[in-house]
Amino acid sequence: MSTLMEIGLKHHTDKAFYHKYLMMYQKLLSWEDIQSVLEIWVREGASIRMWRDYFPEARIIGVDIAQCNPIEWCEIIQADATTKEFVDTIDEVDFVIDDWSHQSDDQINAFKLLRPKTKKLYIIEDVYQEMQRGNMWVIDFFRWFAKDKQLEIIEFTRYHWDDSFSMSIVLLRKE
């Protein structure tokens, strides 16, 4: 079986070559039995194809506010993931990845709505954009919410390559 990084590079997802999240995800996901994945933001579908190939038996769902092309063996839904109307249309999923707007309001709204439907793991990517604007409260929100709701914050990572760029993710797992 190929590694998640190899599959990510094959499909040209920025999670592999730009952000380099996949080594951490591979380690984290090796402990989980993932049967369903929901990723917010499909775009050209590189990440959706990666998840499909890495979890060939899993149900893979991509949601995007924009119209996207179909992807074989995946469900692509055009909807706003920050709305109750969308969340009411889906079943529980094991693993959610929010890679959509990178705006704290959207990240928090999607999390509040999707957390009850998330069985195992919730990842919010690219929190750095809010941090660069000085909005550290978004991190405080996730720390507070995790403590209050028996969620474990597995990782809060911030990488610095130079003074102008950083990135971070929040990973939460149900205890």
N, C-alpha and C. Protein backbone atom coordinates (compact mmCIF):
# COMPACT_ATOMS: atom_id res chain seq x y z
N MET A 1 0.84 -1.19 0.00
CA MET A 1 0.00 0.00 0.00
C MET A 1 0.88 1.25 0.00
N SER A 2 0.50 2.22 -0.79
CA SER A 2 1.24 3.47 -0.86
C SER A 2 1.00 4.30 0.40
N THR A 3 1.95 5.16 0.71
CA THR A 3 1.76 6.07 1.83
C THR A 3 0.81 7.19 1.42
N LEU A 4 0.27 7.86 2.41
CA LEU A 4 -0.61 8.99 2.13
C LEU A 4 0.15 10.08 1.37
N MET A 5 1.41 10.29 1.72
CA MET A 5 2.23 11.29 1.01
C MET A 5 2.40 10.91 -0.46
N GLU A 6 2.67 9.65 -0.75
CA GLU A 6 2.83 9.22 -2.15
C GLU A 6 1.53 9.43 -2.93
N ILE A 7 0.42 9.09 -2.31
CA ILE A 7 -0.88 9.27 -2.98
C ILE A 7 -1.17 10.76 -3.16
N GLY A 8 -0.87 11.56 -2.14
CA GLY A 8 -1.08 13.01 -2.24
C GLY A 8 -0.25 13.64 -3.34
N LEU A 9 1.00 13.22 -3.46
CA LEU A 9 1.86 13.74 -4.54
C LEU A 9 1.34 13.31 -5.91
N LYS A 10 0.87 12.06 -6.00
CA LYS A 10 0.31 11.56 -7.26
C LYS A 10 -0.86 12.43 -7.73
N HIS A 11 -1.69 12.85 -6.78
CA HIS A 11 -2.87 13.64 -7.14
C HIS A 11 -2.62 15.16 -7.07
N HIS A 12 -1.41 15.55 -6.75
CA HIS A 12 -1.01 16.96 -6.74
C HIS A 12 -1.81 17.80 -5.74
N THR A 13 -2.09 17.24 -4.57
CA THR A 13 -2.77 18.03 -3.56
C THR A 13 -1.77 18.89 -2.81
N ASP A 14 -2.17 20.11 -2.50
CA ASP A 14 -1.28 21.01 -1.76
C ASP A 14 -1.00 20.50 -0.35
N LYS A 15 -1.79 19.56 0.13
CA LYS A 15 -1.54 18.97 1.44
C LYS A 15 -0.20 18.22 1.44
N ALA A 16 0.25 17.79 0.27
CA ALA A 16 1.51 17.05 0.15
C ALA A 16 2.69 17.96 -0.16
N PHE A 17 2.58 18.75 -1.21
CA PHE A 17 3.76 19.46 -1.67
C PHE A 17 3.91 20.87 -1.12
N TYR A 18 2.84 21.49 -0.67
CA TYR A 18 2.93 22.87 -0.18
C TYR A 18 2.85 22.92 1.34
N HIS A 19 1.79 22.35 1.89
CA HIS A 19 1.59 22.39 3.33
C HIS A 19 2.32 21.28 4.07
N LYS A 20 2.50 20.14 3.42
CA LYS A 20 3.17 18.98 4.03
C LYS A 20 2.45 18.47 5.27
N TYR A 21 1.14 18.47 5.25
CA TYR A 21 0.34 17.94 6.35
C TYR A 21 0.32 16.41 6.37
N LEU A 22 0.60 15.79 5.24
CA LEU A 22 0.27 14.37 5.09
C LEU A 22 1.10 13.43 5.94
N MET A 23 2.32 13.77 6.26
CA MET A 23 3.11 12.90 7.14
C MET A 23 2.46 12.83 8.52
N MET A 24 1.99 13.96 9.01
CA MET A 24 1.29 13.99 10.29
C MET A 24 -0.04 13.24 10.19
N TYR A 25 -0.78 13.44 9.10
CA TYR A 25 -2.05 12.76 8.93
C TYR A 25 -1.85 11.24 8.86
N GLN A 26 -0.82 10.81 8.14
CA GLN A 26 -0.55 9.37 8.01
C GLN A 26 -0.35 8.75 9.39
N LYS A 27 0.44 9.40 10.22
CA LYS A 27 0.71 8.88 11.55
C LYS A 27 -0.58 8.85 12.38
N LEU A 28 -1.34 9.90 12.31
CA LEU A 28 -2.58 10.00 13.07
C LEU A 28 -3.62 9.00 12.60
N LEU A 29 -3.79 8.87 11.30
CA LEU A 29 -4.84 8.03 10.74
C LEU A 29 -4.50 6.54 10.81
N SER A 30 -3.25 6.20 11.04
CA SER A 30 -2.88 4.79 11.12
C SER A 30 -3.54 4.11 12.32
N TRP A 31 -3.97 4.89 13.30
CA TRP A 31 -4.62 4.36 14.49
C TRP A 31 -6.14 4.32 14.37
N GLU A 32 -6.68 4.84 13.31
CA GLU A 32 -8.12 4.97 13.17
C GLU A 32 -8.66 4.03 12.09
N ASP A 33 -9.85 3.51 12.30
CA ASP A 33 -10.57 2.74 11.30
C ASP A 33 -11.55 3.71 10.63
N ILE A 34 -11.18 4.24 9.50
CA ILE A 34 -11.96 5.28 8.82
C ILE A 34 -12.85 4.64 7.76
N GLN A 35 -14.16 4.82 7.93
CA GLN A 35 -15.14 4.30 6.98
C GLN A 35 -15.83 5.41 6.18
N SER A 36 -15.65 6.67 6.62
CA SER A 36 -16.28 7.79 5.91
C SER A 36 -15.48 9.06 6.14
N VAL A 37 -15.35 9.85 5.07
CA VAL A 37 -14.58 11.09 5.08
C VAL A 37 -15.43 12.18 4.46
N LEU A 38 -15.43 13.35 5.09
CA LEU A 38 -16.08 14.54 4.53
C LEU A 38 -15.04 15.64 4.47
N GLU A 39 -14.77 16.14 3.27
CA GLU A 39 -13.87 17.27 3.14
C GLU A 39 -14.64 18.46 2.64
N ILE A 40 -14.46 19.59 3.34
CA ILE A 40 -15.09 20.84 2.94
C ILE A 40 -14.12 21.56 2.02
N TRP A 41 -14.50 21.71 0.80
CA TRP A 41 -13.83 22.40 -0.29
C TRP A 41 -13.24 21.38 -1.23
N VAL A 42 -13.82 21.28 -2.39
CA VAL A 42 -13.43 20.28 -3.38
C VAL A 42 -12.46 20.86 -4.40
N ARG A 43 -12.78 22.03 -4.91
CA ARG A 43 -12.02 22.69 -5.97
C ARG A 43 -11.84 21.75 -7.15
N GLU A 44 -10.60 21.41 -7.52
CA GLU A 44 -10.37 20.49 -8.65
C GLU A 44 -10.44 19.03 -8.21
N GLY A 45 -10.49 18.77 -6.92
CA GLY A 45 -10.69 17.40 -6.44
C GLY A 45 -9.45 16.63 -6.07
N ALA A 46 -8.28 17.26 -6.00
CA ALA A 46 -7.05 16.53 -5.70
C ALA A 46 -7.11 15.82 -4.35
N SER A 47 -7.56 16.52 -3.32
CA SER A 47 -7.63 15.90 -1.99
C SER A 47 -8.68 14.81 -1.93
N ILE A 48 -9.81 15.03 -2.59
CA ILE A 48 -10.88 14.02 -2.60
C ILE A 48 -10.37 12.74 -3.25
N ARG A 49 -9.65 12.88 -4.36
CA ARG A 49 -9.08 11.70 -5.03
C ARG A 49 -8.05 11.01 -4.13
N MET A 50 -7.29 11.81 -3.41
CA MET A 50 -6.30 11.25 -2.48
C MET A 50 -6.99 10.41 -1.41
N TRP A 51 -8.03 10.97 -0.76
CA TRP A 51 -8.76 10.23 0.28
C TRP A 51 -9.39 8.97 -0.31
N ARG A 52 -9.93 9.07 -1.51
CA ARG A 52 -10.54 7.91 -2.16
C ARG A 52 -9.52 6.79 -2.35
N ASP A 53 -8.32 7.13 -2.77
CA ASP A 53 -7.30 6.12 -3.00
C ASP A 53 -6.69 5.60 -1.70
N TYR A 54 -6.63 6.43 -0.69
CA TYR A 54 -6.05 6.00 0.59
C TYR A 54 -7.03 5.15 1.39
N PHE A 55 -8.31 5.49 1.30
CA PHE A 55 -9.36 4.73 1.98
C PHE A 55 -10.30 4.14 0.92
N PRO A 56 -9.86 3.12 0.19
CA PRO A 56 -10.65 2.64 -0.95
C PRO A 56 -12.01 2.06 -0.58
N GLU A 57 -12.20 1.65 0.65
CA GLU A 57 -13.48 1.08 1.07
C GLU A 57 -14.39 2.11 1.74
N ALA A 58 -13.89 3.31 1.95
CA ALA A 58 -14.63 4.33 2.68
C ALA A 58 -15.56 5.13 1.76
N ARG A 59 -16.57 5.70 2.37
CA ARG A 59 -17.45 6.65 1.69
C ARG A 59 -16.74 8.00 1.73
N ILE A 60 -16.49 8.59 0.56
CA ILE A 60 -15.78 9.87 0.45
C ILE A 60 -16.77 10.92 -0.04
N ILE A 61 -16.91 11.98 0.75
CA ILE A 61 -17.85 13.06 0.42
C ILE A 61 -17.06 14.36 0.35
N GLY A 62 -17.28 15.10 -0.71
CA GLY A 62 -16.73 16.43 -0.83
C GLY A 62 -17.86 17.43 -0.91
N VAL A 63 -17.74 18.52 -0.17
CA VAL A 63 -18.76 19.56 -0.24
C VAL A 63 -18.07 20.87 -0.62
N ASP A 64 -18.69 21.58 -1.53
CA ASP A 64 -18.13 22.85 -1.98
C ASP A 64 -19.28 23.79 -2.30
N ILE A 65 -19.10 25.05 -2.00
CA ILE A 65 -20.13 26.04 -2.29
C ILE A 65 -20.25 26.27 -3.79
N ALA A 66 -19.18 25.99 -4.53
CA ALA A 66 -19.17 26.16 -5.98
C ALA A 66 -19.49 24.83 -6.68
N GLN A 67 -19.93 24.92 -7.90
CA GLN A 67 -20.17 23.72 -8.71
C GLN A 67 -18.83 23.06 -9.01
N CYS A 68 -18.74 21.74 -8.82
CA CYS A 68 -17.51 20.99 -9.07
C CYS A 68 -17.81 19.82 -9.99
N ASN A 69 -16.79 19.37 -10.70
CA ASN A 69 -16.95 18.21 -11.56
C ASN A 69 -17.11 16.95 -10.73
N PRO A 70 -17.85 15.97 -11.23
CA PRO A 70 -17.97 14.69 -10.52
C PRO A 70 -16.61 14.01 -10.41
N ILE A 71 -16.46 13.20 -9.37
CA ILE A 71 -15.24 12.44 -9.15
C ILE A 71 -15.67 10.99 -8.93
N GLU A 72 -15.10 10.10 -9.71
CA GLU A 72 -15.49 8.70 -9.66
C GLU A 72 -15.37 8.13 -8.25
N TRP A 73 -16.39 7.40 -7.82
CA TRP A 73 -16.47 6.72 -6.53
C TRP A 73 -16.57 7.69 -5.34
N CYS A 74 -16.90 8.94 -5.60
CA CYS A 74 -17.03 9.94 -4.53
C CYS A 74 -18.37 10.66 -4.68
N GLU A 75 -18.86 11.17 -3.57
CA GLU A 75 -20.06 12.00 -3.59
C GLU A 75 -19.61 13.47 -3.53
N ILE A 76 -20.03 14.24 -4.48
CA ILE A 76 -19.71 15.67 -4.50
C ILE A 76 -21.02 16.43 -4.33
N ILE A 77 -21.07 17.26 -3.30
CA ILE A 77 -22.28 18.01 -2.97
C ILE A 77 -22.00 19.50 -3.10
N GLN A 78 -22.86 20.20 -3.82
CA GLN A 78 -22.75 21.65 -3.88
C GLN A 78 -23.63 22.22 -2.77
N ALA A 79 -22.99 22.79 -1.75
CA ALA A 79 -23.72 23.34 -0.62
C ALA A 79 -22.76 24.19 0.22
N ASP A 80 -23.33 24.95 1.11
CA ASP A 80 -22.57 25.73 2.07
C ASP A 80 -22.48 24.91 3.36
N ALA A 81 -21.28 24.44 3.68
CA ALA A 81 -21.09 23.56 4.84
C ALA A 81 -21.30 24.26 6.16
N THR A 82 -21.47 25.56 6.14
CA THR A 82 -21.68 26.30 7.39
C THR A 82 -23.16 26.49 7.70
N THR A 83 -24.02 25.75 6.99
CA THR A 83 -25.46 25.91 7.21
C THR A 83 -26.09 24.64 7.76
N LYS A 84 -27.10 24.82 8.57
CA LYS A 84 -27.85 23.69 9.13
C LYS A 84 -28.54 22.90 8.01
N GLU A 85 -28.95 23.59 6.96
CA GLU A 85 -29.62 22.92 5.84
C GLU A 85 -28.71 21.85 5.25
N PHE A 86 -27.44 22.16 5.08
CA PHE A 86 -26.51 21.16 4.56
C PHE A 86 -26.31 20.02 5.56
N VAL A 87 -26.02 20.36 6.79
CA VAL A 87 -25.71 19.36 7.81
C VAL A 87 -26.88 18.39 8.00
N ASP A 88 -28.09 18.89 7.87
CA ASP A 88 -29.26 18.02 8.01
C ASP A 88 -29.36 16.98 6.89
N THR A 89 -28.63 17.15 5.81
CA THR A 89 -28.70 16.22 4.68
C THR A 89 -27.68 15.09 4.76
N ILE A 90 -26.75 15.15 5.71
CA ILE A 90 -25.70 14.12 5.75
C ILE A 90 -25.82 13.26 7.01
N ASP A 91 -25.29 12.05 6.89
CA ASP A 91 -25.21 11.13 8.02
C ASP A 91 -23.92 11.41 8.78
N GLU A 92 -23.73 10.69 9.88
CA GLU A 92 -22.47 10.80 10.62
C GLU A 92 -21.30 10.36 9.74
N VAL A 93 -20.15 10.97 9.98
CA VAL A 93 -18.92 10.60 9.28
C VAL A 93 -17.81 10.41 10.31
N ASP A 94 -16.82 9.62 9.95
CA ASP A 94 -15.71 9.36 10.86
C ASP A 94 -14.75 10.55 10.95
N PHE A 95 -14.52 11.19 9.82
CA PHE A 95 -13.40 12.11 9.69
C PHE A 95 -13.82 13.31 8.84
N VAL A 96 -13.66 14.52 9.40
CA VAL A 96 -13.99 15.76 8.68
C VAL A 96 -12.71 16.58 8.54
N ILE A 97 -12.50 17.13 7.35
CA ILE A 97 -11.39 18.05 7.09
C ILE A 97 -11.99 19.34 6.56
N ASP A 98 -11.73 20.44 7.25
CA ASP A 98 -12.20 21.76 6.81
C ASP A 98 -11.02 22.49 6.18
N ASP A 99 -11.06 22.60 4.86
CA ASP A 99 -10.01 23.30 4.11
C ASP A 99 -10.63 24.41 3.26
N TRP A 100 -11.76 24.94 3.70
CA TRP A 100 -12.53 25.83 2.84
C TRP A 100 -12.06 27.27 2.87
N SER A 101 -12.71 28.13 3.60
CA SER A 101 -12.50 29.57 3.46
C SER A 101 -11.32 30.10 4.26
N HIS A 102 -10.91 29.36 5.28
CA HIS A 102 -9.83 29.78 6.19
C HIS A 102 -10.21 31.02 6.99
N GLN A 103 -11.50 31.31 7.07
CA GLN A 103 -12.01 32.42 7.86
C GLN A 103 -12.54 31.86 9.18
N SER A 104 -12.20 32.49 10.29
CA SER A 104 -12.56 31.94 11.59
C SER A 104 -14.06 31.75 11.76
N ASP A 105 -14.88 32.68 11.29
CA ASP A 105 -16.34 32.53 11.43
C ASP A 105 -16.82 31.26 10.72
N ASP A 106 -16.33 31.03 9.50
CA ASP A 106 -16.73 29.83 8.76
C ASP A 106 -16.20 28.57 9.45
N GLN A 107 -14.95 28.60 9.90
CA GLN A 107 -14.37 27.43 10.57
C GLN A 107 -15.16 27.07 11.82
N ILE A 108 -15.50 28.07 12.61
CA ILE A 108 -16.23 27.82 13.85
C ILE A 108 -17.66 27.39 13.56
N ASN A 109 -18.33 28.04 12.62
CA ASN A 109 -19.71 27.66 12.29
C ASN A 109 -19.78 26.23 11.76
N ALA A 110 -18.88 25.89 10.84
CA ALA A 110 -18.87 24.52 10.31
C ALA A 110 -18.59 23.52 11.43
N PHE A 111 -17.64 23.84 12.29
CA PHE A 111 -17.30 22.94 13.40
C PHE A 111 -18.48 22.73 14.34
N LYS A 112 -19.13 23.81 14.72
CA LYS A 112 -20.28 23.69 15.63
C LYS A 112 -21.38 22.81 15.03
N LEU A 113 -21.61 22.95 13.73
CA LEU A 113 -22.67 22.17 13.08
C LEU A 113 -22.26 20.73 12.81
N LEU A 114 -21.01 20.52 12.41
CA LEU A 114 -20.57 19.18 11.99
C LEU A 114 -20.03 18.33 13.13
N ARG A 115 -19.61 18.93 14.22
CA ARG A 115 -19.04 18.14 15.32
C ARG A 115 -19.99 17.05 15.81
N PRO A 116 -21.28 17.33 15.99
CA PRO A 116 -22.17 16.24 16.43
C PRO A 116 -22.28 15.09 15.42
N LYS A 117 -21.95 15.35 14.17
CA LYS A 117 -22.01 14.30 13.14
C LYS A 117 -20.64 13.67 12.89
N THR A 118 -19.64 14.09 13.64
CA THR A 118 -18.28 13.58 13.47
C THR A 118 -18.00 12.53 14.54
N LYS A 119 -17.71 11.31 14.10
CA LYS A 119 -17.53 10.21 15.05
C LYS A 119 -16.11 10.14 15.62
N LYS A 120 -15.10 10.55 14.87
CA LYS A 120 -13.73 10.30 15.33
C LYS A 120 -12.83 11.54 15.32
N LEU A 121 -12.65 12.14 14.17
CA LEU A 121 -11.59 13.13 14.00
C LEU A 121 -12.08 14.32 13.20
N TYR A 122 -11.71 15.52 13.65
CA TYR A 122 -12.08 16.77 12.96
C TYR A 122 -10.80 17.58 12.81
N ILE A 123 -10.49 17.97 11.58
CA ILE A 123 -9.28 18.75 11.30
C ILE A 123 -9.68 20.06 10.64
N ILE A 124 -9.13 21.15 11.16
CA ILE A 124 -9.31 22.47 10.56
C ILE A 124 -7.94 22.90 10.05
N GLU A 125 -7.84 23.06 8.75
CA GLU A 125 -6.56 23.42 8.15
C GLU A 125 -6.45 24.93 7.98
N ASP A 126 -5.21 25.36 7.95
CA ASP A 126 -4.87 26.74 7.58
C ASP A 126 -5.47 27.79 8.49
N VAL A 127 -5.38 27.56 9.79
CA VAL A 127 -5.84 28.54 10.77
C VAL A 127 -4.90 29.75 10.79
N TYR A 128 -3.73 29.60 10.21
CA TYR A 128 -2.72 30.67 10.22
C TYR A 128 -3.23 31.98 9.63
N GLN A 129 -4.14 31.91 8.68
CA GLN A 129 -4.59 33.15 8.05
C GLN A 129 -5.28 34.05 9.06
N GLU A 130 -6.06 33.47 9.95
CA GLU A 130 -6.68 34.28 11.00
C GLU A 130 -5.62 34.77 11.98
N MET A 131 -4.65 33.94 12.28
CA MET A 131 -3.60 34.33 13.22
C MET A 131 -2.77 35.48 12.66
N GLN A 132 -2.55 35.46 11.35
CA GLN A 132 -1.80 36.55 10.73
C GLN A 132 -2.56 37.87 10.83
N ARG A 133 -3.89 37.80 10.91
CA ARG A 133 -4.71 39.01 11.08
C ARG A 133 -4.84 39.38 12.55
N GLY A 134 -4.18 38.61 13.42
CA GLY A 134 -4.22 38.91 14.85
C GLY A 134 -5.38 38.29 15.58
N ASN A 135 -6.11 37.38 14.92
CA ASN A 135 -7.28 36.76 15.54
C ASN A 135 -6.90 35.47 16.27
N MET A 136 -6.20 35.61 17.37
CA MET A 136 -5.80 34.44 18.15
C MET A 136 -6.99 33.82 18.88
N TRP A 137 -8.10 34.54 18.99
CA TRP A 137 -9.26 34.03 19.70
C TRP A 137 -9.80 32.75 19.09
N VAL A 138 -9.58 32.53 17.81
CA VAL A 138 -10.08 31.32 17.18
C VAL A 138 -9.43 30.09 17.81
N ILE A 139 -8.16 30.18 18.14
CA ILE A 139 -7.47 29.07 18.81
C ILE A 139 -8.03 28.90 20.22
N ASP A 140 -8.23 30.00 20.90
CA ASP A 140 -8.81 29.93 22.25
C ASP A 140 -10.19 29.28 22.21
N PHE A 141 -10.98 29.60 21.19
CA PHE A 141 -12.29 28.98 21.05
C PHE A 141 -12.17 27.46 20.98
N PHE A 142 -11.30 26.94 20.13
CA PHE A 142 -11.17 25.49 19.98
C PHE A 142 -10.63 24.84 21.25
N ARG A 143 -9.71 25.50 21.93
CA ARG A 143 -9.22 24.96 23.20
C ARG A 143 -10.35 24.89 24.23
N TRP A 144 -11.11 25.96 24.34
CA TRP A 144 -12.23 25.99 25.28
C TRP A 144 -13.28 24.94 24.91
N PHE A 145 -13.64 24.88 23.65
CA PHE A 145 -14.68 23.96 23.20
C PHE A 145 -14.25 22.52 23.43
N ALA A 146 -12.99 22.22 23.14
CA ALA A 146 -12.49 20.86 23.32
C ALA A 146 -12.58 20.44 24.78
N LYS A 147 -12.20 21.33 25.68
CA LYS A 147 -12.23 21.01 27.10
C LYS A 147 -13.66 20.80 27.58
N ASP A 148 -14.56 21.65 27.13
CA ASP A 148 -15.96 21.60 27.56
C ASP A 148 -16.71 20.38 27.02
N LYS A 149 -16.32 19.88 25.86
CA LYS A 149 -17.08 18.83 25.18
C LYS A 149 -16.35 17.48 25.14
N GLN A 150 -15.38 17.27 26.00
CA GLN A 150 -14.61 16.03 26.02
C GLN A 150 -13.99 15.69 24.67
N LEU A 151 -13.39 16.68 24.07
CA LEU A 151 -12.62 16.47 22.85
C LEU A 151 -11.16 16.66 23.20
N GLU A 152 -10.34 15.91 22.54
CA GLU A 152 -8.91 16.02 22.75
C GLU A 152 -8.32 16.82 21.60
N ILE A 153 -7.60 17.90 21.92
CA ILE A 153 -6.85 18.58 20.88
C ILE A 153 -5.54 17.81 20.73
N ILE A 154 -5.41 17.14 19.61
CA ILE A 154 -4.25 16.31 19.38
C ILE A 154 -3.06 17.15 18.98
N GLU A 155 -3.31 18.10 18.14
CA GLU A 155 -2.20 18.83 17.57
C GLU A 155 -2.64 20.25 17.28
N PHE A 156 -1.82 21.17 17.65
CA PHE A 156 -1.97 22.53 17.16
C PHE A 156 -0.59 22.89 16.68
N THR A 157 -0.43 22.97 15.40
CA THR A 157 0.88 23.09 14.81
C THR A 157 1.01 24.42 14.10
N ARG A 158 2.12 25.06 14.30
CA ARG A 158 2.40 26.30 13.60
C ARG A 158 3.83 26.20 13.06
N TYR A 159 3.94 26.27 11.76
CA TYR A 159 5.23 26.20 11.10
C TYR A 159 5.61 27.59 10.61
N HIS A 160 6.86 27.94 10.75
CA HIS A 160 7.37 29.21 10.21
C HIS A 160 8.48 28.89 9.21
N TRP A 161 8.31 29.32 7.98
CA TRP A 161 9.38 29.17 7.01
C TRP A 161 10.15 30.49 6.84
N ASP A 162 9.45 31.56 7.02
CA ASP A 162 10.10 32.87 7.01
C ASP A 162 9.15 33.82 7.75
N ASP A 163 9.51 35.08 7.82
CA ASP A 163 8.69 36.02 8.59
C ASP A 163 7.32 36.29 7.97
N SER A 164 7.14 35.96 6.71
CA SER A 164 5.89 36.31 6.06
C SER A 164 4.91 35.14 5.93
N PHE A 165 5.33 33.93 6.31
CA PHE A 165 4.43 32.80 6.09
C PHE A 165 4.46 31.85 7.26
N SER A 166 3.30 31.44 7.67
CA SER A 166 3.17 30.38 8.65
C SER A 166 1.89 29.63 8.35
N MET A 167 1.77 28.45 8.89
CA MET A 167 0.52 27.71 8.71
C MET A 167 0.25 26.92 9.97
N SER A 168 -0.99 26.58 10.15
CA SER A 168 -1.34 25.84 11.35
C SER A 168 -2.61 25.05 11.11
N ILE A 169 -2.75 24.00 11.89
CA ILE A 169 -3.94 23.18 11.84
C ILE A 169 -4.38 22.87 13.27
N VAL A 170 -5.64 22.63 13.41
CA VAL A 170 -6.21 22.18 14.66
C VAL A 170 -6.80 20.80 14.40
N LEU A 171 -6.40 19.81 15.20
CA LEU A 171 -6.92 18.45 15.09
C LEU A 171 -7.62 18.10 16.38
N LEU A 172 -8.86 17.71 16.29
CA LEU A 172 -9.63 17.33 17.46
C LEU A 172 -10.13 15.91 17.30
N ARG A 173 -10.05 15.14 18.38
CA ARG A 173 -10.52 13.76 18.35
C ARG A 173 -11.46 13.54 19.53
N LYS A 174 -12.54 12.81 19.27
CA LYS A 174 -13.45 12.49 20.36
C LYS A 174 -12.75 11.56 21.32
N GLU A 175 -12.90 11.83 22.62
CA GLU A 175 -12.26 10.98 23.64
C GLU A 175 -13.10 9.74 23.89
